[in-house]
């Protein structure tokens, strides 16, 4: 068992090294304004590579510190998403009426919002409604966030009994809905 754990730590270490290299490159590229087409392409590739590393590290969750590296990956994926957003056309003007902009069908528009700090849920039934309403508004109903990212957010916000409720589910896109249902059944009962 110890031999297997040592091997997993070595594998995790090599992945962590690649993640560190990718995050440093992200910091350098994201600091440039405006981004060139080549820089945008490179950031897109880095985001894909971070996705792959995140999924690999999810399978190594037996190894201490794997969750820390996954959290770092998620943070940098958000940074890349922000860097890839087009700058606003007129940053110094404030409109008092909402602007209606026609966008092509199927186009996803991104809006820069202030960072939110969601409270962690530890399994207190009384706090479920407040937690779920906040999480649902910020993450669950956000169509711009993939299910795997939603599951990662949810997983990172659960502690104690709540975390134990979904502990057996692997962090995959397919298991996100199952995790939500398990949590609703266990903590969302209003009786």
N, C-alpha and C. Protein backbone atom coordinates (compact mmCIF):
# COMPACT_ATOMS: atom_id res chain seq x y z
N UNK A 1 0.82 -1.19 0.00
CA UNK A 1 0.00 0.00 0.00
C UNK A 1 0.87 1.26 0.00
N UNK A 2 1.90 1.27 0.83
CA UNK A 2 2.79 2.43 0.91
C UNK A 2 3.50 2.65 -0.42
N UNK A 3 3.85 1.56 -1.07
CA UNK A 3 4.52 1.63 -2.37
C UNK A 3 3.59 2.28 -3.40
N UNK A 4 2.31 1.91 -3.38
CA UNK A 4 1.33 2.46 -4.29
C UNK A 4 1.12 3.95 -4.00
N UNK A 5 1.07 4.32 -2.72
CA UNK A 5 0.89 5.72 -2.34
C UNK A 5 2.10 6.55 -2.79
N UNK A 6 3.29 6.01 -2.64
CA UNK A 6 4.49 6.72 -3.10
C UNK A 6 4.46 6.95 -4.60
N UNK A 7 3.99 5.95 -5.34
CA UNK A 7 3.88 6.09 -6.80
C UNK A 7 2.86 7.16 -7.15
N UNK A 8 1.72 7.17 -6.44
CA UNK A 8 0.69 8.18 -6.69
C UNK A 8 1.21 9.59 -6.38
N UNK A 9 2.01 9.71 -5.31
CA UNK A 9 2.58 11.02 -4.97
C UNK A 9 3.54 11.49 -6.05
N UNK A 10 4.31 10.56 -6.61
CA UNK A 10 5.23 10.91 -7.69
C UNK A 10 4.46 11.38 -8.92
N UNK A 11 3.40 10.65 -9.26
CA UNK A 11 2.57 11.03 -10.41
C UNK A 11 1.94 12.40 -10.17
N UNK A 12 1.41 12.60 -8.96
CA UNK A 12 0.81 13.88 -8.61
C UNK A 12 1.84 15.00 -8.73
N UNK A 13 3.05 14.73 -8.27
CA UNK A 13 4.12 15.74 -8.34
C UNK A 13 4.43 16.16 -9.76
N UNK A 14 4.46 15.21 -10.66
CA UNK A 14 4.76 15.56 -12.06
C UNK A 14 3.62 16.39 -12.66
N UNK A 15 2.37 16.03 -12.32
CA UNK A 15 1.23 16.82 -12.81
C UNK A 15 1.25 18.21 -12.20
N UNK A 16 1.60 18.31 -10.93
CA UNK A 16 1.66 19.60 -10.26
C UNK A 16 2.72 20.49 -10.93
N UNK A 17 3.84 19.90 -11.34
CA UNK A 17 4.88 20.66 -12.03
C UNK A 17 4.38 21.24 -13.34
N UNK A 18 3.63 20.44 -14.10
CA UNK A 18 3.06 20.92 -15.36
C UNK A 18 2.06 22.04 -15.09
N UNK A 19 1.23 21.86 -14.06
CA UNK A 19 0.24 22.88 -13.70
C UNK A 19 0.94 24.19 -13.34
N UNK A 20 2.01 24.11 -12.58
CA UNK A 20 2.76 25.31 -12.19
C UNK A 20 3.29 26.03 -13.43
N UNK A 21 3.83 25.27 -14.37
CA UNK A 21 4.34 25.87 -15.61
C UNK A 21 3.21 26.55 -16.39
N UNK A 22 2.07 25.88 -16.48
CA UNK A 22 0.94 26.44 -17.21
C UNK A 22 0.38 27.69 -16.53
N UNK A 23 0.36 27.70 -15.20
CA UNK A 23 -0.17 28.87 -14.49
C UNK A 23 0.76 30.06 -14.62
N UNK A 24 2.07 29.82 -14.62
CA UNK A 24 3.01 30.92 -14.82
C UNK A 24 2.85 31.52 -16.22
N UNK A 25 2.68 30.65 -17.20
CA UNK A 25 2.47 31.13 -18.57
C UNK A 25 1.15 31.90 -18.67
N UNK A 26 0.13 31.43 -17.96
CA UNK A 26 -1.15 32.14 -17.93
C UNK A 26 -1.00 33.53 -17.35
N UNK A 27 -0.27 33.63 -16.24
CA UNK A 27 -0.05 34.94 -15.61
C UNK A 27 0.62 35.90 -16.59
N UNK A 28 1.61 35.41 -17.32
CA UNK A 28 2.33 36.25 -18.27
C UNK A 28 1.42 36.69 -19.42
N UNK A 29 0.67 35.74 -19.98
CA UNK A 29 -0.19 36.06 -21.11
C UNK A 29 -1.36 36.95 -20.71
N UNK A 30 -1.97 36.67 -19.56
CA UNK A 30 -3.16 37.41 -19.14
C UNK A 30 -2.83 38.85 -18.77
N UNK A 31 -1.57 39.13 -18.46
CA UNK A 31 -1.17 40.49 -18.09
C UNK A 31 -1.06 41.40 -19.32
N UNK A 32 -1.05 40.81 -20.50
CA UNK A 32 -0.90 41.58 -21.74
C UNK A 32 -2.26 42.10 -22.19
N UNK A 33 -2.30 43.37 -22.55
CA UNK A 33 -3.54 43.92 -23.11
C UNK A 33 -3.18 44.80 -24.28
N UNK A 34 -3.84 44.73 -25.36
CA UNK A 34 -4.84 43.71 -25.69
C UNK A 34 -4.15 42.41 -26.10
N UNK A 35 -4.88 41.32 -25.99
CA UNK A 35 -4.33 40.02 -26.36
C UNK A 35 -4.30 39.87 -27.87
N UNK A 36 -3.22 39.29 -28.35
CA UNK A 36 -3.13 38.99 -29.77
C UNK A 36 -3.87 37.69 -30.05
N UNK A 37 -4.09 37.42 -31.31
CA UNK A 37 -4.76 36.18 -31.70
C UNK A 37 -3.97 34.97 -31.22
N UNK A 38 -2.64 35.04 -31.33
CA UNK A 38 -1.80 33.93 -30.89
C UNK A 38 -1.91 33.72 -29.38
N UNK A 39 -1.98 34.83 -28.63
CA UNK A 39 -2.10 34.72 -27.18
C UNK A 39 -3.46 34.15 -26.78
N UNK A 40 -4.50 34.55 -27.49
CA UNK A 40 -5.84 34.01 -27.23
C UNK A 40 -5.85 32.51 -27.51
N UNK A 41 -5.24 32.12 -28.64
CA UNK A 41 -5.17 30.70 -28.98
C UNK A 41 -4.39 29.92 -27.92
N UNK A 42 -3.28 30.48 -27.46
CA UNK A 42 -2.47 29.80 -26.46
C UNK A 42 -3.23 29.67 -25.14
N UNK A 43 -3.93 30.73 -24.72
CA UNK A 43 -4.72 30.64 -23.49
C UNK A 43 -5.81 29.59 -23.60
N UNK A 44 -6.40 29.48 -24.78
CA UNK A 44 -7.42 28.45 -25.00
C UNK A 44 -6.82 27.05 -24.86
N UNK A 45 -5.64 26.86 -25.42
CA UNK A 45 -4.96 25.56 -25.31
C UNK A 45 -4.58 25.29 -23.85
N UNK A 46 -4.10 26.31 -23.15
CA UNK A 46 -3.73 26.13 -21.74
C UNK A 46 -4.95 25.73 -20.93
N UNK A 47 -6.11 26.34 -21.21
CA UNK A 47 -7.32 25.99 -20.48
C UNK A 47 -7.68 24.53 -20.72
N UNK A 48 -7.54 24.07 -21.95
CA UNK A 48 -7.82 22.66 -22.26
C UNK A 48 -6.84 21.75 -21.52
N UNK A 49 -5.57 22.14 -21.47
CA UNK A 49 -4.58 21.34 -20.76
C UNK A 49 -4.88 21.31 -19.25
N UNK A 50 -5.30 22.44 -18.70
CA UNK A 50 -5.66 22.48 -17.28
C UNK A 50 -6.88 21.60 -17.01
N UNK A 51 -7.84 21.58 -17.94
CA UNK A 51 -8.99 20.68 -17.80
C UNK A 51 -8.53 19.24 -17.71
N UNK A 52 -7.62 18.86 -18.60
CA UNK A 52 -7.12 17.48 -18.61
C UNK A 52 -6.39 17.15 -17.32
N UNK A 53 -5.56 18.08 -16.83
CA UNK A 53 -4.83 17.85 -15.57
C UNK A 53 -5.80 17.76 -14.40
N UNK A 54 -6.84 18.59 -14.43
CA UNK A 54 -7.84 18.56 -13.36
C UNK A 54 -8.51 17.18 -13.29
N UNK A 55 -8.91 16.67 -14.45
CA UNK A 55 -9.57 15.36 -14.47
C UNK A 55 -8.62 14.26 -14.00
N UNK A 56 -7.36 14.34 -14.40
CA UNK A 56 -6.38 13.35 -13.97
C UNK A 56 -6.18 13.41 -12.46
N UNK A 57 -6.06 14.63 -11.94
CA UNK A 57 -5.84 14.78 -10.50
C UNK A 57 -7.06 14.38 -9.69
N UNK A 58 -8.24 14.48 -10.28
CA UNK A 58 -9.44 14.02 -9.58
C UNK A 58 -9.35 12.52 -9.30
N UNK A 59 -8.73 11.79 -10.21
CA UNK A 59 -8.59 10.35 -10.01
C UNK A 59 -7.52 10.03 -8.97
N UNK A 60 -6.68 11.00 -8.66
CA UNK A 60 -5.62 10.80 -7.66
C UNK A 60 -6.01 11.38 -6.31
N UNK A 61 -7.31 11.47 -6.04
CA UNK A 61 -7.75 12.16 -4.83
C UNK A 61 -7.36 11.43 -3.55
N UNK A 62 -6.79 10.24 -3.64
CA UNK A 62 -6.30 9.56 -2.44
C UNK A 62 -5.03 10.22 -1.94
N UNK A 63 -4.37 10.96 -2.79
CA UNK A 63 -3.08 11.56 -2.44
C UNK A 63 -3.33 12.92 -1.79
N UNK A 64 -2.68 13.15 -0.67
CA UNK A 64 -2.81 14.44 -0.01
C UNK A 64 -2.40 15.54 -0.97
N UNK A 65 -3.04 16.67 -0.87
CA UNK A 65 -2.73 17.86 -1.64
C UNK A 65 -3.26 17.83 -3.07
N UNK A 66 -3.85 16.73 -3.52
CA UNK A 66 -4.41 16.71 -4.87
C UNK A 66 -5.54 17.73 -4.98
N UNK A 67 -6.35 17.86 -3.93
CA UNK A 67 -7.46 18.82 -3.96
C UNK A 67 -6.94 20.25 -4.04
N UNK A 68 -5.79 20.53 -3.41
CA UNK A 68 -5.21 21.87 -3.47
C UNK A 68 -4.81 22.21 -4.90
N UNK A 69 -4.22 21.26 -5.59
CA UNK A 69 -3.80 21.48 -6.97
C UNK A 69 -5.04 21.66 -7.85
N UNK A 70 -6.09 20.88 -7.61
CA UNK A 70 -7.32 21.01 -8.39
C UNK A 70 -7.94 22.39 -8.16
N UNK A 71 -7.92 22.87 -6.92
CA UNK A 71 -8.45 24.21 -6.63
C UNK A 71 -7.64 25.28 -7.37
N UNK A 72 -6.32 25.10 -7.43
CA UNK A 72 -5.47 26.04 -8.16
C UNK A 72 -5.82 26.01 -9.65
N UNK A 73 -6.06 24.83 -10.19
CA UNK A 73 -6.43 24.70 -11.60
C UNK A 73 -7.74 25.44 -11.86
N UNK A 74 -8.73 25.23 -10.98
CA UNK A 74 -10.03 25.89 -11.16
C UNK A 74 -9.86 27.41 -11.13
N UNK A 75 -9.02 27.91 -10.22
CA UNK A 75 -8.77 29.34 -10.13
C UNK A 75 -8.17 29.87 -11.43
N UNK A 76 -7.20 29.16 -11.97
CA UNK A 76 -6.57 29.62 -13.20
C UNK A 76 -7.48 29.47 -14.41
N UNK A 77 -8.35 28.49 -14.41
CA UNK A 77 -9.32 28.38 -15.50
C UNK A 77 -10.24 29.61 -15.49
N UNK A 78 -10.63 30.05 -14.28
CA UNK A 78 -11.46 31.26 -14.18
C UNK A 78 -10.67 32.47 -14.66
N UNK A 79 -9.38 32.55 -14.30
CA UNK A 79 -8.55 33.68 -14.75
C UNK A 79 -8.45 33.71 -16.27
N UNK A 80 -8.29 32.54 -16.87
CA UNK A 80 -8.22 32.46 -18.33
C UNK A 80 -9.54 32.92 -18.93
N UNK A 81 -10.66 32.45 -18.35
CA UNK A 81 -11.96 32.86 -18.87
C UNK A 81 -12.12 34.38 -18.82
N UNK A 82 -11.67 34.99 -17.72
CA UNK A 82 -11.75 36.45 -17.60
C UNK A 82 -10.84 37.12 -18.63
N UNK A 83 -9.63 36.59 -18.81
CA UNK A 83 -8.70 37.18 -19.77
C UNK A 83 -9.21 37.06 -21.20
N UNK A 84 -9.95 36.00 -21.49
CA UNK A 84 -10.45 35.80 -22.85
C UNK A 84 -11.72 36.59 -23.13
N UNK A 85 -12.32 37.19 -22.10
CA UNK A 85 -13.51 37.99 -22.33
C UNK A 85 -13.12 39.28 -23.04
N UNK A 86 -13.92 39.68 -24.02
CA UNK A 86 -13.59 40.93 -24.72
C UNK A 86 -13.78 42.11 -23.77
N UNK A 87 -12.89 43.11 -23.88
CA UNK A 87 -13.05 44.30 -23.03
C UNK A 87 -14.31 45.05 -23.41
N UNK A 88 -14.88 45.77 -22.46
CA UNK A 88 -16.10 46.53 -22.77
C UNK A 88 -15.75 47.63 -23.75
N UNK A 89 -16.71 47.97 -24.58
CA UNK A 89 -16.47 48.94 -25.65
C UNK A 89 -16.18 50.33 -25.11
N UNK A 90 -16.88 50.75 -24.08
CA UNK A 90 -16.70 52.09 -23.54
C UNK A 90 -16.59 52.01 -22.02
N UNK A 91 -15.38 51.79 -21.49
CA UNK A 91 -15.26 51.56 -20.07
C UNK A 91 -15.55 52.78 -19.21
N UNK A 92 -15.49 53.98 -19.75
CA UNK A 92 -15.65 55.18 -18.93
C UNK A 92 -17.06 55.75 -19.00
N UNK A 93 -17.95 55.16 -19.80
CA UNK A 93 -19.30 55.68 -19.87
C UNK A 93 -20.24 54.80 -19.07
N UNK A 94 -21.21 55.42 -18.47
CA UNK A 94 -22.19 54.69 -17.67
C UNK A 94 -23.55 54.95 -18.29
N UNK A 95 -24.24 53.90 -18.62
CA UNK A 95 -25.56 54.02 -19.21
C UNK A 95 -26.60 53.82 -18.12
N UNK A 96 -27.63 54.67 -18.13
CA UNK A 96 -28.69 54.52 -17.14
C UNK A 96 -29.82 53.66 -17.67
N UNK A 97 -29.82 53.39 -18.97
CA UNK A 97 -30.84 52.51 -19.54
C UNK A 97 -30.15 51.25 -20.02
N UNK A 98 -30.83 50.11 -19.89
CA UNK A 98 -30.20 48.87 -20.33
C UNK A 98 -30.06 48.85 -21.85
N UNK A 99 -28.93 48.38 -22.31
CA UNK A 99 -28.69 48.29 -23.75
C UNK A 99 -29.12 46.92 -24.24
N UNK A 100 -29.78 46.89 -25.37
CA UNK A 100 -30.18 45.63 -25.98
C UNK A 100 -29.28 45.42 -27.18
N UNK A 101 -28.54 44.32 -27.16
CA UNK A 101 -27.60 44.04 -28.23
C UNK A 101 -28.01 42.73 -28.88
N UNK A 102 -28.15 42.77 -30.19
CA UNK A 102 -28.49 41.55 -30.90
C UNK A 102 -27.24 40.70 -31.06
N UNK A 103 -27.34 39.45 -30.70
CA UNK A 103 -26.21 38.55 -30.87
C UNK A 103 -26.66 37.38 -31.72
N UNK A 104 -25.69 36.78 -32.44
CA UNK A 104 -26.06 35.68 -33.31
C UNK A 104 -26.66 34.54 -32.51
N UNK A 105 -27.56 33.75 -33.13
CA UNK A 105 -28.17 32.63 -32.42
C UNK A 105 -27.10 31.66 -31.93
N UNK A 106 -27.26 31.19 -30.72
CA UNK A 106 -26.32 30.23 -30.15
C UNK A 106 -25.09 30.85 -29.54
N UNK A 107 -24.93 32.17 -29.67
CA UNK A 107 -23.74 32.83 -29.12
C UNK A 107 -23.89 32.96 -27.61
N UNK A 108 -22.81 32.74 -26.91
CA UNK A 108 -22.81 32.88 -25.46
C UNK A 108 -22.09 34.17 -25.12
N UNK A 109 -22.78 35.05 -24.42
CA UNK A 109 -22.16 36.29 -24.01
C UNK A 109 -21.67 36.14 -22.58
N UNK A 110 -20.56 36.77 -22.28
CA UNK A 110 -20.00 36.68 -20.94
C UNK A 110 -20.05 38.05 -20.30
N UNK A 111 -20.44 38.06 -19.06
CA UNK A 111 -20.53 39.29 -18.31
C UNK A 111 -19.55 39.22 -17.16
N UNK A 112 -18.82 40.28 -16.96
CA UNK A 112 -17.91 40.33 -15.82
C UNK A 112 -18.70 40.69 -14.58
N UNK A 113 -18.65 39.84 -13.61
CA UNK A 113 -19.34 40.07 -12.35
C UNK A 113 -18.32 40.11 -11.22
N UNK A 114 -18.66 40.76 -10.13
CA UNK A 114 -17.74 40.74 -8.99
C UNK A 114 -17.63 39.33 -8.44
N UNK A 115 -16.48 39.02 -7.86
CA UNK A 115 -16.29 37.70 -7.29
C UNK A 115 -17.23 37.53 -6.11
N UNK A 116 -17.81 36.35 -6.02
CA UNK A 116 -18.69 36.02 -4.91
C UNK A 116 -17.99 35.05 -3.99
N UNK A 117 -18.27 35.19 -2.72
CA UNK A 117 -17.78 34.22 -1.75
C UNK A 117 -18.99 33.49 -1.22
N UNK A 118 -19.11 32.24 -1.59
CA UNK A 118 -20.23 31.44 -1.12
C UNK A 118 -19.84 30.76 0.19
N UNK A 119 -20.77 30.74 1.12
CA UNK A 119 -20.52 30.10 2.40
C UNK A 119 -20.49 28.59 2.23
N UNK A 120 -19.69 27.94 3.04
CA UNK A 120 -19.62 26.48 3.01
C UNK A 120 -20.82 25.90 3.75
N UNK A 121 -21.25 24.73 3.32
CA UNK A 121 -22.37 24.05 3.96
C UNK A 121 -21.84 22.81 4.65
N UNK A 122 -22.09 22.73 5.97
CA UNK A 122 -21.53 21.66 6.78
C UNK A 122 -22.54 20.56 7.10
N UNK A 123 -23.78 20.72 6.67
CA UNK A 123 -24.76 19.67 6.91
C UNK A 123 -25.83 20.06 7.91
N UNK A 124 -25.85 21.33 8.31
CA UNK A 124 -26.89 21.81 9.23
C UNK A 124 -28.16 22.01 8.42
N UNK A 125 -29.20 21.23 8.72
CA UNK A 125 -30.44 21.27 7.96
C UNK A 125 -31.03 22.67 7.93
N UNK A 126 -30.89 23.41 9.01
CA UNK A 126 -31.44 24.76 9.08
C UNK A 126 -30.76 25.69 8.08
N UNK A 127 -29.49 25.47 7.79
CA UNK A 127 -28.76 26.33 6.86
C UNK A 127 -28.88 25.91 5.41
N UNK A 128 -29.55 24.80 5.12
CA UNK A 128 -29.62 24.29 3.76
C UNK A 128 -30.27 25.28 2.79
N UNK A 129 -31.44 25.81 3.14
CA UNK A 129 -32.18 26.67 2.22
C UNK A 129 -31.33 27.89 1.83
N UNK A 130 -30.71 28.50 2.82
CA UNK A 130 -29.86 29.66 2.54
C UNK A 130 -28.69 29.29 1.64
N UNK A 131 -28.01 28.18 1.97
CA UNK A 131 -26.89 27.72 1.14
C UNK A 131 -27.35 27.42 -0.28
N UNK A 132 -28.42 26.64 -0.39
CA UNK A 132 -28.87 26.21 -1.71
C UNK A 132 -29.31 27.39 -2.57
N UNK A 133 -30.04 28.34 -1.98
CA UNK A 133 -30.47 29.51 -2.75
C UNK A 133 -29.27 30.30 -3.29
N UNK A 134 -28.26 30.49 -2.46
CA UNK A 134 -27.05 31.21 -2.89
C UNK A 134 -26.32 30.43 -3.98
N UNK A 135 -26.11 29.14 -3.75
CA UNK A 135 -25.39 28.31 -4.70
C UNK A 135 -26.16 28.21 -6.02
N UNK A 136 -27.48 28.01 -5.92
CA UNK A 136 -28.32 27.86 -7.12
C UNK A 136 -28.24 29.12 -7.98
N UNK A 137 -28.31 30.29 -7.34
CA UNK A 137 -28.28 31.54 -8.08
C UNK A 137 -26.92 31.79 -8.73
N UNK A 138 -25.84 31.51 -7.99
CA UNK A 138 -24.50 31.82 -8.49
C UNK A 138 -23.94 30.76 -9.43
N UNK A 139 -24.28 29.49 -9.19
CA UNK A 139 -23.62 28.42 -9.93
C UNK A 139 -24.60 27.50 -10.65
N UNK A 140 -25.52 26.90 -9.91
CA UNK A 140 -26.37 25.83 -10.44
C UNK A 140 -27.16 26.25 -11.67
N UNK A 141 -27.73 27.46 -11.64
CA UNK A 141 -28.55 27.90 -12.76
C UNK A 141 -27.76 28.70 -13.80
N UNK A 142 -26.44 28.77 -13.65
CA UNK A 142 -25.59 29.50 -14.59
C UNK A 142 -25.27 28.58 -15.77
N UNK A 143 -25.86 28.87 -16.91
CA UNK A 143 -25.68 28.01 -18.09
C UNK A 143 -24.29 28.13 -18.70
N UNK A 144 -23.50 29.10 -18.25
CA UNK A 144 -22.16 29.28 -18.79
C UNK A 144 -21.12 28.41 -18.08
N UNK A 145 -21.54 27.74 -17.02
CA UNK A 145 -20.62 26.88 -16.27
C UNK A 145 -20.95 25.43 -16.60
N UNK A 146 -19.92 24.66 -16.96
CA UNK A 146 -20.14 23.25 -17.29
C UNK A 146 -20.51 22.48 -16.03
N UNK A 147 -21.13 21.32 -16.23
CA UNK A 147 -21.56 20.51 -15.08
C UNK A 147 -20.37 20.04 -14.24
N UNK A 148 -19.26 19.73 -14.88
CA UNK A 148 -18.09 19.28 -14.11
C UNK A 148 -17.56 20.42 -13.25
N UNK A 149 -17.57 21.65 -13.78
CA UNK A 149 -17.15 22.80 -12.98
C UNK A 149 -18.15 23.08 -11.86
N UNK A 150 -19.45 22.92 -12.15
CA UNK A 150 -20.46 23.08 -11.11
C UNK A 150 -20.24 22.07 -9.99
N UNK A 151 -19.92 20.83 -10.38
CA UNK A 151 -19.68 19.79 -9.38
C UNK A 151 -18.44 20.12 -8.56
N UNK A 152 -17.41 20.64 -9.21
CA UNK A 152 -16.21 21.03 -8.47
C UNK A 152 -16.52 22.15 -7.48
N UNK A 153 -17.30 23.13 -7.91
CA UNK A 153 -17.69 24.21 -6.99
C UNK A 153 -18.47 23.63 -5.81
N UNK A 154 -19.47 22.80 -6.12
CA UNK A 154 -20.29 22.21 -5.07
C UNK A 154 -19.43 21.42 -4.10
N UNK A 155 -18.57 20.58 -4.65
CA UNK A 155 -17.69 19.74 -3.82
C UNK A 155 -16.82 20.59 -2.91
N UNK A 156 -16.33 21.71 -3.42
CA UNK A 156 -15.45 22.56 -2.62
C UNK A 156 -16.19 23.32 -1.52
N UNK A 157 -17.50 23.42 -1.64
CA UNK A 157 -18.29 24.17 -0.66
C UNK A 157 -18.91 23.29 0.43
N UNK A 158 -18.72 21.98 0.34
CA UNK A 158 -19.31 21.06 1.30
C UNK A 158 -18.30 20.59 2.32
N UNK A 159 -18.75 20.51 3.57
CA UNK A 159 -17.92 19.99 4.65
C UNK A 159 -18.77 19.08 5.53
N UNK A 160 -18.12 18.32 6.36
CA UNK A 160 -18.81 17.50 7.36
C UNK A 160 -19.80 16.53 6.76
N UNK A 161 -21.01 16.50 7.34
CA UNK A 161 -22.05 15.56 6.91
C UNK A 161 -22.45 15.78 5.46
N UNK A 162 -22.43 17.03 5.02
CA UNK A 162 -22.79 17.32 3.63
C UNK A 162 -21.78 16.70 2.66
N UNK A 163 -20.51 16.82 2.99
CA UNK A 163 -19.47 16.24 2.14
C UNK A 163 -19.57 14.71 2.13
N UNK A 164 -19.89 14.15 3.29
CA UNK A 164 -20.02 12.69 3.38
C UNK A 164 -21.18 12.17 2.54
N UNK A 165 -22.21 12.99 2.37
CA UNK A 165 -23.39 12.58 1.61
C UNK A 165 -23.03 12.25 0.17
N UNK A 166 -22.10 12.99 -0.41
CA UNK A 166 -21.75 12.75 -1.83
C UNK A 166 -20.34 12.18 -1.98
N UNK A 167 -19.76 11.77 -0.89
CA UNK A 167 -18.37 11.28 -0.90
C UNK A 167 -18.15 10.14 -1.89
N UNK A 168 -19.10 9.26 -2.05
CA UNK A 168 -18.93 8.10 -2.92
C UNK A 168 -19.05 8.41 -4.40
N UNK A 169 -19.47 9.61 -4.74
CA UNK A 169 -19.62 9.96 -6.16
C UNK A 169 -18.32 10.54 -6.70
N UNK A 170 -17.86 10.00 -7.80
CA UNK A 170 -16.66 10.55 -8.42
C UNK A 170 -17.03 11.87 -9.10
N UNK A 171 -16.05 12.76 -9.18
CA UNK A 171 -16.29 14.09 -9.75
C UNK A 171 -16.34 13.99 -11.27
N UNK A 172 -17.52 13.67 -11.76
CA UNK A 172 -17.74 13.60 -13.21
C UNK A 172 -18.99 14.40 -13.54
N UNK A 173 -19.09 14.79 -14.78
CA UNK A 173 -20.24 15.54 -15.23
C UNK A 173 -21.53 14.77 -15.01
N UNK A 174 -21.48 13.47 -15.25
CA UNK A 174 -22.67 12.63 -15.12
C UNK A 174 -23.17 12.55 -13.67
N UNK A 175 -22.29 12.70 -12.70
CA UNK A 175 -22.68 12.56 -11.30
C UNK A 175 -23.16 13.86 -10.66
N UNK A 176 -23.05 14.98 -11.35
CA UNK A 176 -23.45 16.25 -10.76
C UNK A 176 -24.92 16.25 -10.34
N UNK A 177 -25.81 15.85 -11.27
CA UNK A 177 -27.24 15.84 -10.96
C UNK A 177 -27.55 14.88 -9.82
N UNK A 178 -26.85 13.75 -9.77
CA UNK A 178 -27.05 12.79 -8.68
C UNK A 178 -26.66 13.40 -7.34
N UNK A 179 -25.55 14.13 -7.33
CA UNK A 179 -25.09 14.77 -6.09
C UNK A 179 -26.12 15.79 -5.60
N UNK A 180 -26.64 16.58 -6.52
CA UNK A 180 -27.65 17.59 -6.15
C UNK A 180 -28.88 16.91 -5.57
N UNK A 181 -29.33 15.84 -6.22
CA UNK A 181 -30.52 15.13 -5.73
C UNK A 181 -30.28 14.53 -4.35
N UNK A 182 -29.11 13.93 -4.14
CA UNK A 182 -28.81 13.36 -2.82
C UNK A 182 -28.83 14.43 -1.74
N UNK A 183 -28.24 15.57 -2.03
CA UNK A 183 -28.21 16.66 -1.05
C UNK A 183 -29.61 17.20 -0.78
N UNK A 184 -30.41 17.35 -1.83
CA UNK A 184 -31.79 17.84 -1.65
C UNK A 184 -32.60 16.87 -0.82
N UNK A 185 -32.45 15.57 -1.07
CA UNK A 185 -33.20 14.57 -0.31
C UNK A 185 -32.81 14.57 1.15
N UNK A 186 -31.51 14.70 1.41
CA UNK A 186 -31.04 14.61 2.79
C UNK A 186 -31.28 15.89 3.58
N UNK A 187 -31.01 17.04 2.97
CA UNK A 187 -31.06 18.29 3.72
C UNK A 187 -32.22 19.21 3.34
N UNK A 188 -32.84 18.96 2.19
CA UNK A 188 -33.86 19.86 1.71
C UNK A 188 -35.28 19.53 2.15
N UNK A 189 -35.43 18.53 2.99
CA UNK A 189 -36.75 18.17 3.49
C UNK A 189 -37.23 19.24 4.46
N UNK A 190 -38.29 19.92 4.12
CA UNK A 190 -38.78 21.03 4.93
C UNK A 190 -39.55 20.59 6.18
N UNK A 191 -39.82 19.30 6.32
CA UNK A 191 -40.59 18.83 7.49
C UNK A 191 -39.73 18.85 8.73
